[in-house]
Protein backbone atom coordinates (compact mmCIF):
# COMPACT_ATOMS: atom_id res chain seq x y z
CA MET A 1 -37.07 22.59 69.83
CA MET A 2 -38.79 19.51 71.24
CA ASP A 3 -41.81 21.63 72.18
CA VAL A 4 -42.16 22.76 68.57
CA LEU A 5 -41.86 19.17 67.33
CA HIS A 6 -44.42 18.07 69.92
CA ASP A 7 -46.88 20.66 68.60
CA ILE A 8 -46.22 19.54 65.02
CA LEU A 9 -46.67 15.88 65.94
CA GLY A 10 -50.03 16.63 67.52
CA ILE A 11 -50.23 13.65 69.90
CA PRO A 12 -50.73 15.10 73.40
CA GLN A 13 -50.39 11.75 75.20
CA VAL A 14 -46.66 11.47 74.51
CA THR A 15 -43.46 13.49 74.78
CA ILE A 16 -40.64 13.34 72.24
CA GLU A 17 -37.30 12.17 73.61
CA ARG A 18 -35.25 11.79 70.45
CA VAL A 19 -35.42 12.53 66.71
CA GLU A 20 -33.58 10.62 64.00
CA LEU A 21 -33.64 12.06 60.50
CA GLN A 22 -32.82 9.50 57.83
CA GLU A 23 -32.56 10.07 54.11
CA THR A 24 -36.05 8.75 53.36
CA GLU A 25 -37.68 8.42 56.81
CA ILE A 26 -38.18 10.27 60.09
CA HIS A 27 -38.09 8.36 63.39
CA LEU A 28 -39.31 9.83 66.67
CA SER A 29 -38.67 8.17 70.02
CA VAL A 30 -41.67 8.96 72.21
CA LYS A 31 -43.00 7.96 75.60
CA PRO A 32 -46.30 8.46 77.41
CA TRP A 33 -46.12 11.07 80.14
CA ALA A 34 -49.13 10.04 82.26
CA GLU A 35 -48.32 8.63 85.69
CA SER A 36 -51.32 6.30 85.74
CA ALA A 37 -53.46 4.22 83.37
CA ILE A 38 -57.04 2.96 83.43
CA CYS A 39 -57.55 -0.78 83.80
CA PRO A 40 -59.74 -2.03 80.90
CA LEU A 41 -61.50 -4.54 83.19
CA CYS A 42 -62.45 -2.62 86.32
CA HIS A 43 -61.94 0.89 84.84
CA ARG A 44 -59.94 2.05 87.86
CA ALA A 45 -56.73 4.04 87.66
CA SER A 46 -53.46 2.33 88.55
CA ARG A 47 -50.05 3.91 89.16
CA GLU A 48 -48.16 0.64 89.60
CA LEU A 49 -45.81 -0.06 86.70
CA HIS A 50 -45.46 -3.76 85.94
CA GLN A 51 -43.15 -3.66 82.92
CA HIS A 52 -41.38 -0.90 81.02
CA ASN A 53 -38.72 -2.37 78.81
CA SER A 54 -39.98 -2.83 75.28
CA VAL A 55 -40.29 -0.48 72.30
CA ARG A 56 -43.11 -0.58 69.79
CA VAL A 57 -42.51 0.84 66.28
CA ILE A 58 -45.66 2.47 64.89
CA ARG A 59 -46.21 3.97 61.44
CA ASP A 60 -47.60 7.50 61.56
CA LEU A 61 -48.49 10.27 59.14
CA PRO A 62 -45.69 11.64 56.93
CA LEU A 63 -43.52 14.44 58.31
CA SER A 64 -42.03 16.89 55.81
CA GLY A 65 -43.05 14.52 53.04
CA LYS A 66 -41.21 11.55 54.55
CA PRO A 67 -42.71 8.44 56.19
CA GLY A 68 -42.96 8.95 59.94
CA TYR A 69 -42.34 6.29 62.57
CA LEU A 70 -42.93 6.46 66.31
CA HIS A 71 -40.72 4.39 68.58
CA LEU A 72 -43.07 4.10 71.52
CA SER A 73 -41.89 2.96 74.96
CA ARG A 74 -44.46 0.38 75.95
CA ARG A 75 -45.69 0.25 79.52
CA ARG A 76 -47.65 -2.39 81.38
CA PHE A 77 -49.41 -1.50 84.61
CA TRP A 78 -50.49 -3.68 87.51
CA CYS A 79 -54.12 -3.48 88.62
CA PRO A 80 -54.40 -4.14 92.38
CA GLN A 81 -58.15 -4.57 92.08
CA CYS A 82 -57.99 -7.28 89.40
CA SER A 83 -54.55 -8.63 90.38
CA LEU A 84 -53.64 -8.63 86.69
CA PRO A 85 -51.23 -6.69 84.46
CA PHE A 86 -52.56 -4.69 81.52
CA ASN A 87 -51.14 -2.77 78.58
CA GLU A 88 -51.43 0.99 78.83
CA PRO A 89 -54.36 2.05 76.62
CA LEU A 90 -53.54 4.90 74.23
CA ASP A 91 -56.07 6.95 72.27
CA PHE A 92 -53.95 7.37 69.16
CA VAL A 93 -53.26 3.69 68.43
CA GLU A 94 -55.30 0.50 68.69
CA PRO A 95 -53.89 -2.37 70.78
CA TYR A 96 -51.54 -4.64 68.80
CA ARG A 97 -51.62 -2.36 65.73
CA ASN A 98 -48.50 -1.18 63.92
CA SER A 99 -49.96 2.13 62.75
CA THR A 100 -51.72 5.05 64.41
CA ARG A 101 -55.46 5.60 64.06
CA ARG A 102 -54.89 8.75 62.02
CA TYR A 103 -52.50 6.97 59.67
CA GLU A 104 -55.08 4.25 59.07
CA SER A 105 -57.66 6.96 58.32
CA HIS A 106 -55.13 8.46 55.90
CA ILE A 107 -54.76 5.10 54.12
CA TYR A 108 -58.53 4.71 53.98
CA GLU A 109 -58.99 8.08 52.28
CA LEU A 110 -56.19 7.37 49.81
CA VAL A 111 -57.80 4.08 48.78
CA ARG A 112 -61.22 5.75 48.46
CA GLN A 113 -59.79 8.27 46.01
CA ASN A 114 -57.47 5.88 44.16
CA ASN A 115 -56.94 2.12 44.48
CA ILE A 116 -55.02 -0.32 46.62
CA ARG A 117 -52.19 -0.82 44.12
CA TYR A 118 -51.55 2.93 43.96
CA VAL A 119 -51.48 3.28 47.76
CA GLU A 120 -49.26 0.19 48.06
CA VAL A 121 -46.57 1.87 45.94
CA LEU A 122 -47.10 5.38 47.38
CA GLU A 123 -46.78 4.32 51.01
CA GLY A 124 -44.36 1.44 50.63
CA LEU A 125 -46.75 -1.05 52.22
CA SER A 126 -47.79 -4.50 51.08
CA TYR A 127 -51.06 -4.96 49.19
CA GLU A 128 -52.40 -7.09 52.04
CA ILE A 129 -51.71 -4.43 54.68
CA VAL A 130 -53.37 -1.66 52.64
CA GLU A 131 -56.37 -3.86 51.92
CA ARG A 132 -56.69 -4.90 55.56
CA ILE A 133 -56.57 -1.30 56.79
CA PHE A 134 -59.12 -0.16 54.21
CA LEU A 135 -61.57 -2.98 54.94
CA ARG A 136 -61.28 -2.42 58.68
CA GLU A 137 -61.81 1.34 58.41
CA ALA A 138 -64.62 0.99 55.84
CA THR A 139 -66.50 -1.55 57.96
CA ARG A 140 -66.22 0.73 60.97
CA ARG A 141 -67.69 3.69 59.08
CA ILE A 142 -70.74 1.94 57.59
CA PRO A 143 -73.90 2.32 59.72
CA ALA A 144 -74.99 -0.82 61.53
CA GLU A 145 -78.63 -0.06 60.60
CA PRO A 146 -78.49 1.55 57.15
CA PHE A 147 -82.28 1.50 56.66
CA LYS A 148 -83.10 3.14 59.97
CA GLY A 149 -85.35 6.18 59.44
CA LEU A 150 -85.49 5.63 55.67
CA ARG A 151 -88.82 6.78 54.17
CA LYS A 152 -88.20 6.84 50.42
CA LEU A 153 -86.43 3.78 49.02
CA GLY A 154 -85.01 3.47 45.51
CA LEU A 155 -84.01 0.19 43.85
CA ASP A 156 -81.64 -0.10 40.91
CA GLU A 157 -79.02 -2.51 39.65
CA ILE A 158 -75.37 -2.33 38.69
CA ALA A 159 -73.25 -4.82 36.77
CA GLU A 160 -70.45 -6.33 38.83
CA ARG A 161 -68.14 -6.67 35.85
CA LYS A 162 -68.49 -5.37 32.32
CA GLY A 163 -69.60 -8.00 29.83
CA ARG A 164 -70.92 -10.33 32.52
CA LYS A 165 -74.64 -10.80 33.09
CA ALA A 166 -74.16 -10.56 36.84
CA TYR A 167 -76.09 -7.76 38.51
CA ASP A 168 -76.33 -6.55 42.07
CA VAL A 169 -79.16 -4.55 43.62
CA ILE A 170 -78.42 -1.11 45.05
CA PHE A 171 -80.71 0.37 47.67
CA TYR A 172 -80.90 4.18 47.76
CA ASN A 173 -82.17 6.63 50.30
CA LEU A 174 -83.91 8.96 47.86
CA GLU A 175 -84.05 11.79 50.40
CA THR A 176 -80.29 11.89 50.89
CA GLY A 177 -79.42 10.72 47.38
CA LYS A 178 -76.97 8.12 48.70
CA PRO A 179 -76.77 4.31 48.52
CA VAL A 180 -77.43 2.56 51.82
CA GLU A 181 -76.77 -1.08 50.90
CA VAL A 182 -75.71 -3.38 48.06
CA LEU A 183 -77.19 -6.86 47.65
CA GLN A 184 -75.27 -9.49 45.72
CA GLY A 185 -77.39 -10.90 42.93
CA ARG A 186 -80.64 -9.64 41.45
CA THR A 187 -83.07 -12.52 41.64
CA LYS A 188 -86.54 -12.16 43.03
CA GLN A 189 -85.82 -14.70 45.77
CA GLN A 190 -82.66 -12.92 46.94
CA LEU A 191 -84.44 -9.59 47.14
CA LEU A 192 -87.44 -11.15 48.88
CA GLU A 193 -85.32 -12.80 51.55
CA TYR A 194 -83.30 -9.65 52.17
CA LEU A 195 -86.29 -7.33 52.61
CA LYS A 196 -88.16 -9.87 54.74
CA ALA A 197 -85.19 -9.96 57.12
CA LEU A 198 -85.45 -6.22 57.84
CA ALA A 199 -86.81 -5.26 61.24
CA GLU A 200 -90.56 -4.68 61.30
CA GLU A 201 -90.18 -1.06 62.39
CA VAL A 202 -87.80 -0.46 59.48
CA LYS A 203 -90.25 -1.92 56.97
CA ALA A 204 -93.09 0.09 58.49
CA SER A 205 -91.16 3.36 58.08
CA ILE A 206 -90.75 2.94 54.30
CA GLU A 207 -93.48 5.02 52.66
CA GLU A 208 -92.47 4.96 48.98
CA VAL A 209 -90.45 2.61 46.79
CA CYS A 210 -89.26 3.83 43.39
CA ILE A 211 -88.23 1.18 40.85
CA ASP A 212 -87.54 0.67 37.19
CA MET A 213 -90.24 -1.37 35.48
CA TRP A 214 -88.85 -4.79 36.33
CA ARG A 215 -91.75 -6.98 37.44
CA PRO A 216 -89.92 -8.95 40.20
CA TYR A 217 -89.17 -5.66 41.99
CA ALA A 218 -92.88 -4.83 42.05
CA GLN A 219 -93.86 -8.34 43.17
CA VAL A 220 -91.44 -8.25 46.09
CA VAL A 221 -92.55 -4.76 47.16
CA PHE A 222 -96.23 -5.79 47.10
CA GLU A 223 -95.43 -8.83 49.24
CA VAL A 224 -93.03 -7.38 51.79
CA LEU A 225 -94.01 -3.68 51.85
CA PRO A 226 -97.73 -3.72 50.99
CA HIS A 227 -98.31 -0.38 52.73
CA ALA A 228 -95.67 1.45 50.65
CA VAL A 229 -96.57 3.41 47.51
CA LEU A 230 -94.92 1.84 44.45
CA VAL A 231 -93.59 4.43 41.99
CA ALA A 232 -92.36 3.68 38.46
CA ASP A 233 -89.32 5.85 37.89
CA ARG A 234 -90.23 8.55 35.37
CA PHE A 235 -86.83 8.40 33.66
CA HIS A 236 -87.21 4.67 32.99
CA VAL A 237 -90.72 5.33 31.67
CA MET A 238 -89.34 7.97 29.30
CA ARG A 239 -86.59 5.59 28.30
CA SER A 240 -89.19 3.08 27.11
CA VAL A 241 -90.84 5.82 25.01
CA ASN A 242 -87.46 6.75 23.54
CA THR A 243 -86.70 3.09 22.81
CA ASP A 244 -89.86 2.71 20.71
CA LEU A 245 -89.06 5.97 18.92
CA LYS A 246 -85.52 4.79 18.23
CA ASP A 247 -86.76 1.43 16.89
CA LEU A 248 -89.18 3.23 14.59
CA LYS A 249 -86.37 5.44 13.32
CA HIS A 250 -84.18 2.40 12.55
CA SER A 251 -87.01 0.69 10.68
CA ARG A 252 -87.42 3.72 8.40
CA LYS A 253 -83.80 4.61 7.94
CA LYS A 254 -83.68 3.54 4.28
CA ASP A 255 -86.57 5.83 3.39
CA VAL A 256 -85.10 8.92 5.03
CA PRO A 257 -83.11 11.29 2.72
CA GLU A 258 -79.45 11.96 3.42
CA LYS A 259 -79.97 15.34 5.11
CA ALA A 260 -82.32 13.76 7.67
CA LYS A 261 -80.32 10.61 8.46
CA ALA A 262 -78.35 12.11 11.36
CA CYS A 263 -81.56 12.35 13.37
CA HIS A 264 -80.75 10.18 16.38
CA TYR A 265 -80.09 12.99 18.86
CA PRO A 266 -82.60 15.45 17.36
CA LEU A 267 -85.34 12.85 17.88
CA LEU A 268 -84.37 11.72 21.39
CA LYS A 269 -83.09 14.95 22.91
CA ASN A 270 -85.49 17.34 24.65
CA GLN A 271 -86.69 19.61 21.88
CA GLU A 272 -86.02 22.87 23.72
CA ASP A 273 -82.39 21.80 24.16
CA LEU A 274 -81.70 21.23 20.45
CA THR A 275 -78.98 23.21 18.73
CA GLU A 276 -79.84 25.15 15.61
CA GLN A 277 -78.35 22.44 13.39
CA GLN A 278 -80.20 19.66 15.26
CA GLN A 279 -83.48 21.56 14.87
CA GLU A 280 -82.86 21.81 11.11
CA THR A 281 -82.32 18.04 10.98
CA LEU A 282 -85.53 17.48 12.93
CA ASP A 283 -87.42 19.80 10.55
CA ALA A 284 -86.11 17.74 7.62
CA VAL A 285 -87.45 14.56 9.27
CA TYR A 286 -90.82 16.23 9.80
CA GLU A 287 -90.97 17.08 6.08
CA VAL A 288 -90.27 13.58 4.75
CA ASP A 289 -91.72 11.20 7.36
CA PRO A 290 -95.10 11.99 8.96
CA GLY A 291 -94.89 8.81 11.05
CA LEU A 292 -91.61 9.79 12.69
CA LYS A 293 -92.95 13.31 13.10
CA ARG A 294 -96.02 12.09 14.99
CA ALA A 295 -93.96 9.65 17.10
CA HIS A 296 -91.59 12.45 18.08
CA GLN A 297 -94.53 14.68 18.97
CA LEU A 298 -95.96 11.90 21.13
CA LYS A 299 -92.63 11.64 22.94
CA GLU A 300 -92.57 15.37 23.63
CA GLU A 301 -96.22 15.35 24.73
CA PHE A 302 -95.55 12.57 27.22
CA ARG A 303 -92.52 14.38 28.64
CA THR A 304 -94.65 17.51 29.03
CA ILE A 305 -97.13 15.53 31.14
CA PHE A 306 -94.37 14.61 33.59
CA GLU A 307 -93.05 18.16 33.76
CA THR A 308 -96.27 20.20 33.97
CA ILE A 309 -99.11 18.16 35.49
CA GLN A 310 -99.35 18.53 39.27
CA THR A 311 -102.14 16.20 40.42
CA VAL A 312 -102.76 12.47 40.06
CA GLU A 313 -106.25 12.92 38.61
CA ASN A 314 -105.13 15.36 35.93
CA ALA A 315 -102.20 13.10 35.14
CA ARG A 316 -104.54 10.10 34.80
CA LYS A 317 -106.67 11.97 32.24
CA GLN A 318 -103.66 13.17 30.27
CA VAL A 319 -101.91 9.76 30.22
CA GLN A 320 -105.07 7.93 29.16
CA ARG A 321 -105.60 10.51 26.42
CA TRP A 322 -101.97 10.03 25.36
CA ILE A 323 -102.41 6.24 25.23
CA SER A 324 -105.51 6.66 23.03
CA ASN A 325 -103.64 8.92 20.60
CA ALA A 326 -100.65 6.59 20.46
CA TYR A 327 -102.90 3.56 19.87
CA LYS A 328 -104.69 5.38 17.05
CA HIS A 329 -101.42 6.04 15.19
CA HIS A 330 -99.94 2.51 15.76
CA LEU A 331 -96.49 4.01 16.35
CA VAL A 332 -95.30 2.93 19.82
CA PRO A 333 -96.90 -0.48 20.51
CA THR A 334 -94.48 -1.57 23.24
CA VAL A 335 -94.95 1.64 25.19
CA ILE A 336 -98.73 1.33 25.03
CA THR A 337 -98.56 -2.12 26.62
CA THR A 338 -96.10 -0.83 29.24
CA MET A 339 -98.33 2.12 30.11
CA LYS A 340 -101.38 -0.07 30.60
CA THR A 341 -99.45 -2.56 32.76
CA TRP A 342 -97.74 0.04 34.94
CA LEU A 343 -100.34 2.84 34.88
CA SER A 344 -100.94 2.91 38.64
CA ALA A 345 -97.20 3.00 39.46
CA ILE A 346 -96.60 5.67 36.79
CA LEU A 347 -99.36 7.87 38.21
CA ASN A 348 -98.00 7.46 41.74
CA TYR A 349 -95.12 9.70 40.66
CA PHE A 350 -97.50 12.65 40.76
CA HIS A 351 -98.13 12.26 44.52
CA HIS A 352 -94.69 13.52 45.58
CA ARG A 353 -92.75 13.53 42.26
CA THR A 354 -90.42 10.83 43.61
CA THR A 355 -87.81 9.55 41.16
CA ASN A 356 -84.64 7.48 41.09
CA SER A 357 -82.77 10.47 39.64
CA PRO A 358 -79.88 10.18 42.15
CA SER A 359 -79.11 6.72 40.76
CA GLU A 360 -77.73 8.09 37.49
CA GLY A 361 -74.99 10.10 39.17
CA ILE A 362 -74.36 7.32 41.69
CA ASN A 363 -74.04 4.68 38.96
CA ASN A 364 -71.53 6.86 37.12
CA LYS A 365 -69.49 7.16 40.30
CA ILE A 366 -69.70 3.39 40.83
CA LYS A 367 -68.31 2.88 37.32
CA LEU A 368 -65.41 5.14 38.31
CA VAL A 369 -64.88 3.06 41.46
CA LYS A 370 -64.75 -0.09 39.32
CA ARG A 371 -62.21 1.47 36.95
CA ARG A 372 -60.04 2.61 39.83
CA GLY A 373 -60.23 -0.82 41.40
CA ASP A 374 -59.41 -2.48 38.08
CA GLY A 375 -62.48 -4.68 38.58
CA PHE A 376 -63.52 -6.54 41.72
CA ARG A 377 -63.51 -10.29 42.15
CA ASN A 378 -64.57 -10.09 45.78
CA PHE A 379 -68.14 -8.86 46.28
CA ASP A 380 -67.54 -7.76 49.90
CA ASN A 381 -64.75 -5.45 48.75
CA PHE A 382 -66.93 -4.16 45.91
CA ARG A 383 -69.77 -3.45 48.33
CA LEU A 384 -67.54 -1.56 50.75
CA ARG A 385 -66.00 0.52 47.98
CA ILE A 386 -69.49 1.57 46.84
CA LEU A 387 -70.84 2.39 50.28
CA THR A 388 -67.76 4.43 51.27
CA ALA A 389 -67.58 6.36 48.00
CA PHE A 390 -70.38 8.74 48.99
């Protein structure tokens, strides 16, 4: 019977001496079976027992759906080499901890998928204990050098709390599609100081940086990573085109007949993805408003450039032609200015077609993390929850 329980328990360093089944808990009295222990100072084996009279109660994984506890007979050995006593080191539990390593990993995964309050109630632990275990496990799992080997860097921002104008910068590895670090604040100075502090070999390894069209990002990249190719994210570029189209639609709303008023999605959605009804609405807009028609065509033409052109030189010709056409029709003035300002960074997309596309899915997952956490007042906790969510 004890052999079966030992196999179920799955801790080879101990043997089970006694089992106590309570209504809501399971308690196992266990003891180490090894005759010697390794001194943590000189790393030599000792067989001399110094003390063997105390019991340590350790929380372990549930057994049969009930909380499991190990009553571990503690042993202290005497090291003849060091002339000092030492606690017997055990692989399954950290020194001075009240829970096994695997139970702490279990708590960590529960918090990742839920939140601390939920785990507090589920496991019958205090909020502080759950938080402490999660922070300790999360810190241990995060790489000490997150930028090591990174070649394609993406920058984006996320709001700390909804309704607050407080943003943090998220750094992405665009080759793995995962965030590697979160920087509190989004000022130019904060970003400059952070990137300057990176090791020189790390900075030298970054070949491309993809950003939205926020000027301080570009200024910092030019200063700290002058060798890197700066790429304007194509989805942010398209967003600026859509914004001008949307503003034009709002300015002409009164002049559009009733059947063409529900034209928000038909105008902004990719035309080949329109439903039959949305296409009918778009056709109605084309009939009554030549300006909106031409603006929509410009939007589709620009999207086609991103999706079909393969070389930088061809892209340059097509974008410059597009700017000339847009300028001639006086329909998207903001976009024209944006294109001229960011032309080089926009064209750099066509070198390797690098985008910040992973950021959209990541940002959605971060929003889920914030909802699960019921908001975060502590940035360090917020950072760890983001970095361990992927």
